[in-house]
Amino acid sequence: MDYKKSKAPVNTVSRNIMDLCRETGNIYESVAIISKRANQISLQIKEDLSKKLAEFASYNDSLEEVFENREQIEISRYYEKLPKPSLLATQEFIENKVYWRDPSRENANQDN
């Protein structure tokens, strides 16, 4: 996924709490959903970065030779400029792009 194309802000933005809890009815539940999604995004970004940087890995035992690779620097800068995973997750939640469910509510509805 290309996170650079996301509409998420790069800096922290003040949000209306009522907008965040509209879907769930509970701000704490909304924050828990956003944090779980942020963890997923963080892992995804970390895996992508590791795959791209693994191409530049050198297996020399010599510590004296350190090469400055321009492509590696550009990749690192790209990932540094991305919005934080928490901001990406919050934007996804606001845009209703996050699938979530509450099994306890589903069980309560089935019992009735």
N, C-alpha and C. Protein backbone atom coordinates (compact mmCIF):
# COMPACT_ATOMS: atom_id res chain seq x y z
N MET A 1 0.85 -1.18 0.00
CA MET A 1 0.00 0.00 0.00
C MET A 1 0.89 1.24 0.00
N ASP A 2 0.51 2.22 -0.78
CA ASP A 2 1.27 3.45 -0.86
C ASP A 2 0.72 4.44 0.15
N TYR A 3 1.40 4.56 1.27
CA TYR A 3 0.93 5.43 2.34
C TYR A 3 1.15 6.90 2.03
N LYS A 4 2.00 7.19 1.07
CA LYS A 4 2.26 8.58 0.70
C LYS A 4 1.02 9.21 0.06
N LYS A 5 0.18 8.39 -0.58
CA LYS A 5 -1.03 8.89 -1.23
C LYS A 5 -2.19 9.07 -0.25
N SER A 6 -1.99 8.70 0.99
CA SER A 6 -3.03 8.84 2.00
C SER A 6 -3.29 10.32 2.29
N LYS A 7 -4.49 10.62 2.70
CA LYS A 7 -4.86 11.99 3.03
C LYS A 7 -4.50 12.33 4.48
N ALA A 8 -3.81 11.42 5.13
CA ALA A 8 -3.45 11.64 6.54
C ALA A 8 -2.46 12.79 6.66
N PRO A 9 -2.63 13.64 7.66
CA PRO A 9 -1.69 14.76 7.85
C PRO A 9 -0.34 14.24 8.34
N VAL A 10 0.70 14.99 8.05
CA VAL A 10 2.04 14.61 8.49
C VAL A 10 2.26 15.03 9.95
N ASN A 11 1.60 16.10 10.36
CA ASN A 11 1.70 16.58 11.73
C ASN A 11 0.43 16.25 12.51
N THR A 12 0.51 16.37 13.80
CA THR A 12 -0.63 16.10 14.67
C THR A 12 -1.72 17.14 14.44
N VAL A 13 -2.96 16.66 14.41
CA VAL A 13 -4.11 17.53 14.18
C VAL A 13 -5.09 17.33 15.32
N SER A 14 -5.67 18.42 15.79
CA SER A 14 -6.72 18.31 16.82
C SER A 14 -7.97 17.73 16.19
N ARG A 15 -8.58 16.79 16.87
CA ARG A 15 -9.78 16.12 16.35
C ARG A 15 -10.93 16.34 17.33
N ASN A 16 -12.13 16.32 16.80
CA ASN A 16 -13.32 16.40 17.63
C ASN A 16 -13.60 14.99 18.17
N ILE A 17 -13.65 14.86 19.46
CA ILE A 17 -13.86 13.55 20.09
C ILE A 17 -15.19 12.94 19.66
N MET A 18 -16.18 13.76 19.48
CA MET A 18 -17.49 13.25 19.09
C MET A 18 -17.46 12.61 17.70
N ASP A 19 -16.60 13.12 16.82
CA ASP A 19 -16.46 12.51 15.49
C ASP A 19 -15.83 11.12 15.59
N LEU A 20 -14.90 10.97 16.53
CA LEU A 20 -14.22 9.69 16.68
C LEU A 20 -15.10 8.62 17.31
N CYS A 21 -16.00 9.03 18.19
CA CYS A 21 -16.82 8.03 18.88
C CYS A 21 -18.19 7.84 18.23
N ARG A 22 -18.42 8.45 17.08
CA ARG A 22 -19.71 8.34 16.40
C ARG A 22 -19.98 6.89 15.99
N GLU A 23 -19.00 6.20 15.45
CA GLU A 23 -19.18 4.82 14.98
C GLU A 23 -19.41 3.84 16.12
N THR A 24 -18.60 3.96 17.17
CA THR A 24 -18.63 2.97 18.24
C THR A 24 -19.52 3.37 19.40
N GLY A 25 -19.71 4.67 19.60
CA GLY A 25 -20.48 5.14 20.74
C GLY A 25 -19.63 5.24 22.00
N ASN A 26 -18.33 4.96 21.87
CA ASN A 26 -17.45 4.96 23.02
C ASN A 26 -16.07 5.40 22.55
N ILE A 27 -15.56 6.48 23.11
CA ILE A 27 -14.26 7.01 22.68
C ILE A 27 -13.12 6.02 22.97
N TYR A 28 -13.21 5.30 24.08
CA TYR A 28 -12.15 4.36 24.44
C TYR A 28 -12.10 3.18 23.45
N GLU A 29 -13.26 2.75 23.02
CA GLU A 29 -13.31 1.67 22.04
C GLU A 29 -12.73 2.16 20.70
N SER A 30 -13.05 3.38 20.33
CA SER A 30 -12.53 3.95 19.10
C SER A 30 -11.00 4.05 19.15
N VAL A 31 -10.49 4.51 20.28
CA VAL A 31 -9.03 4.64 20.43
C VAL A 31 -8.37 3.26 20.38
N ALA A 32 -9.01 2.26 20.97
CA ALA A 32 -8.46 0.90 20.94
C ALA A 32 -8.41 0.37 19.50
N ILE A 33 -9.45 0.63 18.73
CA ILE A 33 -9.49 0.20 17.33
C ILE A 33 -8.40 0.91 16.54
N ILE A 34 -8.26 2.20 16.74
CA ILE A 34 -7.24 2.98 16.03
C ILE A 34 -5.84 2.49 16.40
N SER A 35 -5.62 2.20 17.68
CA SER A 35 -4.28 1.75 18.10
C SER A 35 -3.94 0.39 17.51
N LYS A 36 -4.91 -0.51 17.44
CA LYS A 36 -4.65 -1.82 16.84
C LYS A 36 -4.33 -1.67 15.36
N ARG A 37 -5.06 -0.80 14.67
CA ARG A 37 -4.79 -0.57 13.25
C ARG A 37 -3.42 0.09 13.07
N ALA A 38 -3.06 1.01 13.97
CA ALA A 38 -1.75 1.67 13.89
C ALA A 38 -0.63 0.64 14.05
N ASN A 39 -0.81 -0.34 14.93
CA ASN A 39 0.19 -1.39 15.09
C ASN A 39 0.32 -2.21 13.81
N GLN A 40 -0.81 -2.51 13.16
CA GLN A 40 -0.76 -3.26 11.90
C GLN A 40 -0.03 -2.46 10.83
N ILE A 41 -0.32 -1.18 10.73
CA ILE A 41 0.33 -0.32 9.73
C ILE A 41 1.83 -0.24 10.02
N SER A 42 2.18 -0.08 11.27
CA SER A 42 3.59 0.01 11.66
C SER A 42 4.35 -1.24 11.26
N LEU A 43 3.77 -2.40 11.52
CA LEU A 43 4.43 -3.65 11.12
C LEU A 43 4.56 -3.76 9.61
N GLN A 44 3.55 -3.33 8.90
CA GLN A 44 3.57 -3.38 7.44
C GLN A 44 4.67 -2.47 6.88
N ILE A 45 4.77 -1.27 7.41
CA ILE A 45 5.80 -0.33 6.96
C ILE A 45 7.19 -0.87 7.29
N LYS A 46 7.33 -1.44 8.48
CA LYS A 46 8.62 -1.98 8.89
C LYS A 46 9.05 -3.13 7.98
N GLU A 47 8.10 -4.00 7.62
CA GLU A 47 8.41 -5.11 6.72
C GLU A 47 8.81 -4.61 5.34
N ASP A 48 8.08 -3.63 4.83
CA ASP A 48 8.40 -3.06 3.52
C ASP A 48 9.80 -2.45 3.52
N LEU A 49 10.11 -1.69 4.55
CA LEU A 49 11.42 -1.05 4.65
C LEU A 49 12.52 -2.09 4.76
N SER A 50 12.29 -3.12 5.55
CA SER A 50 13.30 -4.17 5.72
C SER A 50 13.58 -4.89 4.40
N LYS A 51 12.51 -5.16 3.63
CA LYS A 51 12.68 -5.82 2.33
C LYS A 51 13.50 -4.96 1.38
N LYS A 52 13.20 -3.67 1.35
CA LYS A 52 13.91 -2.78 0.44
C LYS A 52 15.36 -2.58 0.85
N LEU A 53 15.62 -2.50 2.15
CA LEU A 53 16.99 -2.30 2.61
C LEU A 53 17.81 -3.59 2.57
N ALA A 54 17.13 -4.73 2.56
CA ALA A 54 17.86 -6.01 2.50
C ALA A 54 18.60 -6.14 1.18
N GLU A 55 18.13 -5.48 0.15
CA GLU A 55 18.81 -5.52 -1.15
C GLU A 55 20.19 -4.89 -1.07
N PHE A 56 20.37 -3.96 -0.15
CA PHE A 56 21.64 -3.25 -0.04
C PHE A 56 22.57 -3.85 1.01
N ALA A 57 22.14 -4.90 1.66
CA ALA A 57 22.94 -5.50 2.75
C ALA A 57 24.23 -6.07 2.18
N SER A 58 25.31 -5.75 2.82
CA SER A 58 26.60 -6.33 2.43
C SER A 58 27.02 -7.30 3.52
N TYR A 59 27.57 -8.39 3.10
CA TYR A 59 27.93 -9.43 4.05
C TYR A 59 29.43 -9.48 4.28
N ASN A 60 30.08 -8.35 4.16
CA ASN A 60 31.51 -8.28 4.44
C ASN A 60 31.72 -8.17 5.94
N ASP A 61 32.78 -8.79 6.40
CA ASP A 61 33.09 -8.72 7.83
C ASP A 61 33.94 -7.50 8.16
N SER A 62 34.31 -6.76 7.17
CA SER A 62 35.16 -5.61 7.37
C SER A 62 34.35 -4.41 7.83
N LEU A 63 34.69 -3.90 8.98
CA LEU A 63 34.00 -2.73 9.51
C LEU A 63 34.62 -1.44 8.99
N GLU A 64 35.80 -1.57 8.37
CA GLU A 64 36.50 -0.38 7.91
C GLU A 64 35.84 0.23 6.68
N GLU A 65 35.26 -0.60 5.85
CA GLU A 65 34.66 -0.11 4.62
C GLU A 65 33.16 0.11 4.82
N VAL A 66 32.78 1.35 4.81
CA VAL A 66 31.37 1.69 4.89
C VAL A 66 31.04 2.48 3.63
N PHE A 67 30.10 1.95 2.87
CA PHE A 67 29.75 2.60 1.62
C PHE A 67 28.47 3.41 1.79
N GLU A 68 28.47 4.57 1.21
CA GLU A 68 27.28 5.42 1.25
C GLU A 68 26.52 5.19 -0.05
N ASN A 69 25.38 4.56 0.06
CA ASN A 69 24.59 4.24 -1.11
C ASN A 69 23.47 5.26 -1.25
N ARG A 70 23.45 5.94 -2.37
CA ARG A 70 22.47 7.02 -2.60
C ARG A 70 21.03 6.49 -2.60
N GLU A 71 20.81 5.34 -3.22
CA GLU A 71 19.47 4.76 -3.28
C GLU A 71 18.96 4.40 -1.89
N GLN A 72 19.84 3.87 -1.08
CA GLN A 72 19.48 3.49 0.29
C GLN A 72 19.08 4.73 1.09
N ILE A 73 19.79 5.81 0.89
CA ILE A 73 19.48 7.05 1.60
C ILE A 73 18.12 7.59 1.15
N GLU A 74 17.84 7.51 -0.14
CA GLU A 74 16.55 7.98 -0.66
C GLU A 74 15.38 7.16 -0.11
N ILE A 75 15.56 5.85 -0.03
CA ILE A 75 14.52 4.98 0.54
C ILE A 75 14.27 5.34 1.99
N SER A 76 15.34 5.54 2.74
CA SER A 76 15.20 5.91 4.15
C SER A 76 14.49 7.25 4.32
N ARG A 77 14.82 8.20 3.47
CA ARG A 77 14.16 9.52 3.54
C ARG A 77 12.68 9.41 3.22
N TYR A 78 12.35 8.58 2.25
CA TYR A 78 10.94 8.39 1.89
C TYR A 78 10.15 7.90 3.10
N TYR A 79 10.69 6.91 3.81
CA TYR A 79 9.97 6.36 4.97
C TYR A 79 9.96 7.32 6.15
N GLU A 80 10.97 8.17 6.25
CA GLU A 80 10.98 9.16 7.32
C GLU A 80 9.90 10.23 7.12
N LYS A 81 9.58 10.52 5.85
CA LYS A 81 8.61 11.57 5.54
C LYS A 81 7.16 11.08 5.60
N LEU A 82 6.96 9.79 5.72
CA LEU A 82 5.60 9.26 5.80
C LEU A 82 4.92 9.72 7.09
N PRO A 83 3.60 9.86 7.06
CA PRO A 83 2.88 10.17 8.31
C PRO A 83 3.04 9.01 9.30
N LYS A 84 2.95 9.31 10.55
CA LYS A 84 3.07 8.29 11.59
C LYS A 84 1.92 7.30 11.47
N PRO A 85 2.15 6.03 11.85
CA PRO A 85 1.09 5.03 11.76
C PRO A 85 -0.18 5.41 12.52
N SER A 86 -0.04 6.09 13.64
CA SER A 86 -1.23 6.49 14.40
C SER A 86 -2.07 7.51 13.62
N LEU A 87 -1.41 8.40 12.88
CA LEU A 87 -2.14 9.37 12.07
C LEU A 87 -2.80 8.70 10.87
N LEU A 88 -2.11 7.74 10.27
CA LEU A 88 -2.69 6.98 9.16
C LEU A 88 -3.91 6.20 9.62
N ALA A 89 -3.79 5.55 10.78
CA ALA A 89 -4.90 4.75 11.32
C ALA A 89 -6.10 5.64 11.67
N THR A 90 -5.84 6.79 12.25
CA THR A 90 -6.92 7.70 12.60
C THR A 90 -7.65 8.18 11.34
N GLN A 91 -6.89 8.49 10.30
CA GLN A 91 -7.51 8.94 9.05
C GLN A 91 -8.35 7.82 8.43
N GLU A 92 -7.82 6.59 8.46
CA GLU A 92 -8.58 5.45 7.94
C GLU A 92 -9.87 5.24 8.74
N PHE A 93 -9.79 5.40 10.05
CA PHE A 93 -10.97 5.22 10.90
C PHE A 93 -12.02 6.28 10.59
N ILE A 94 -11.59 7.51 10.42
CA ILE A 94 -12.53 8.60 10.13
C ILE A 94 -13.19 8.39 8.76
N GLU A 95 -12.44 7.86 7.81
CA GLU A 95 -12.97 7.62 6.47
C GLU A 95 -13.71 6.28 6.36
N ASN A 96 -13.91 5.60 7.48
CA ASN A 96 -14.61 4.30 7.54
C ASN A 96 -13.93 3.24 6.67
N LYS A 97 -12.62 3.24 6.64
CA LYS A 97 -11.85 2.25 5.88
C LYS A 97 -11.34 1.12 6.77
N VAL A 98 -11.67 1.16 8.05
CA VAL A 98 -11.21 0.14 8.99
C VAL A 98 -12.38 -0.78 9.32
N TYR A 99 -12.17 -2.07 9.09
CA TYR A 99 -13.19 -3.05 9.47
C TYR A 99 -12.94 -3.46 10.91
N TRP A 100 -13.97 -3.40 11.71
CA TRP A 100 -13.88 -3.84 13.11
C TRP A 100 -15.21 -4.44 13.51
N ARG A 101 -15.15 -5.27 14.52
CA ARG A 101 -16.39 -5.85 15.06
C ARG A 101 -16.19 -6.12 16.54
N ASP A 102 -17.29 -6.23 17.24
CA ASP A 102 -17.27 -6.48 18.68
C ASP A 102 -18.00 -7.80 18.93
N PRO A 103 -17.27 -8.89 19.18
CA PRO A 103 -17.91 -10.19 19.39
C PRO A 103 -18.89 -10.20 20.57
N SER A 104 -18.63 -9.41 21.60
CA SER A 104 -19.55 -9.41 22.75
C SER A 104 -20.91 -8.83 22.35
N ARG A 105 -20.93 -7.85 21.48
CA ARG A 105 -22.20 -7.29 21.01
C ARG A 105 -22.92 -8.27 20.09
N GLU A 106 -22.15 -8.99 19.29
CA GLU A 106 -22.75 -9.98 18.39
C GLU A 106 -23.39 -11.11 19.19
N ASN A 107 -22.74 -11.55 20.25
CA ASN A 107 -23.29 -12.60 21.11
C ASN A 107 -24.52 -12.12 21.83
N ALA A 108 -24.54 -10.87 22.26
CA ALA A 108 -25.71 -10.32 22.96
C ALA A 108 -26.90 -10.24 22.01
N ASN A 109 -26.65 -9.90 20.75
CA ASN A 109 -27.73 -9.82 19.77
C ASN A 109 -28.27 -11.20 19.43
N GLN A 110 -27.44 -12.22 19.42
CA GLN A 110 -27.89 -13.57 19.11
C GLN A 110 -28.70 -14.16 20.25
N ASP A 111 -28.40 -13.77 21.48
CA ASP A 111 -29.11 -14.30 22.66
C ASP A 111 -30.54 -13.76 22.72
N ASN A 112 -30.77 -12.58 22.17
CA ASN A 112 -32.10 -11.96 22.24
C ASN A 112 -33.03 -12.56 21.25
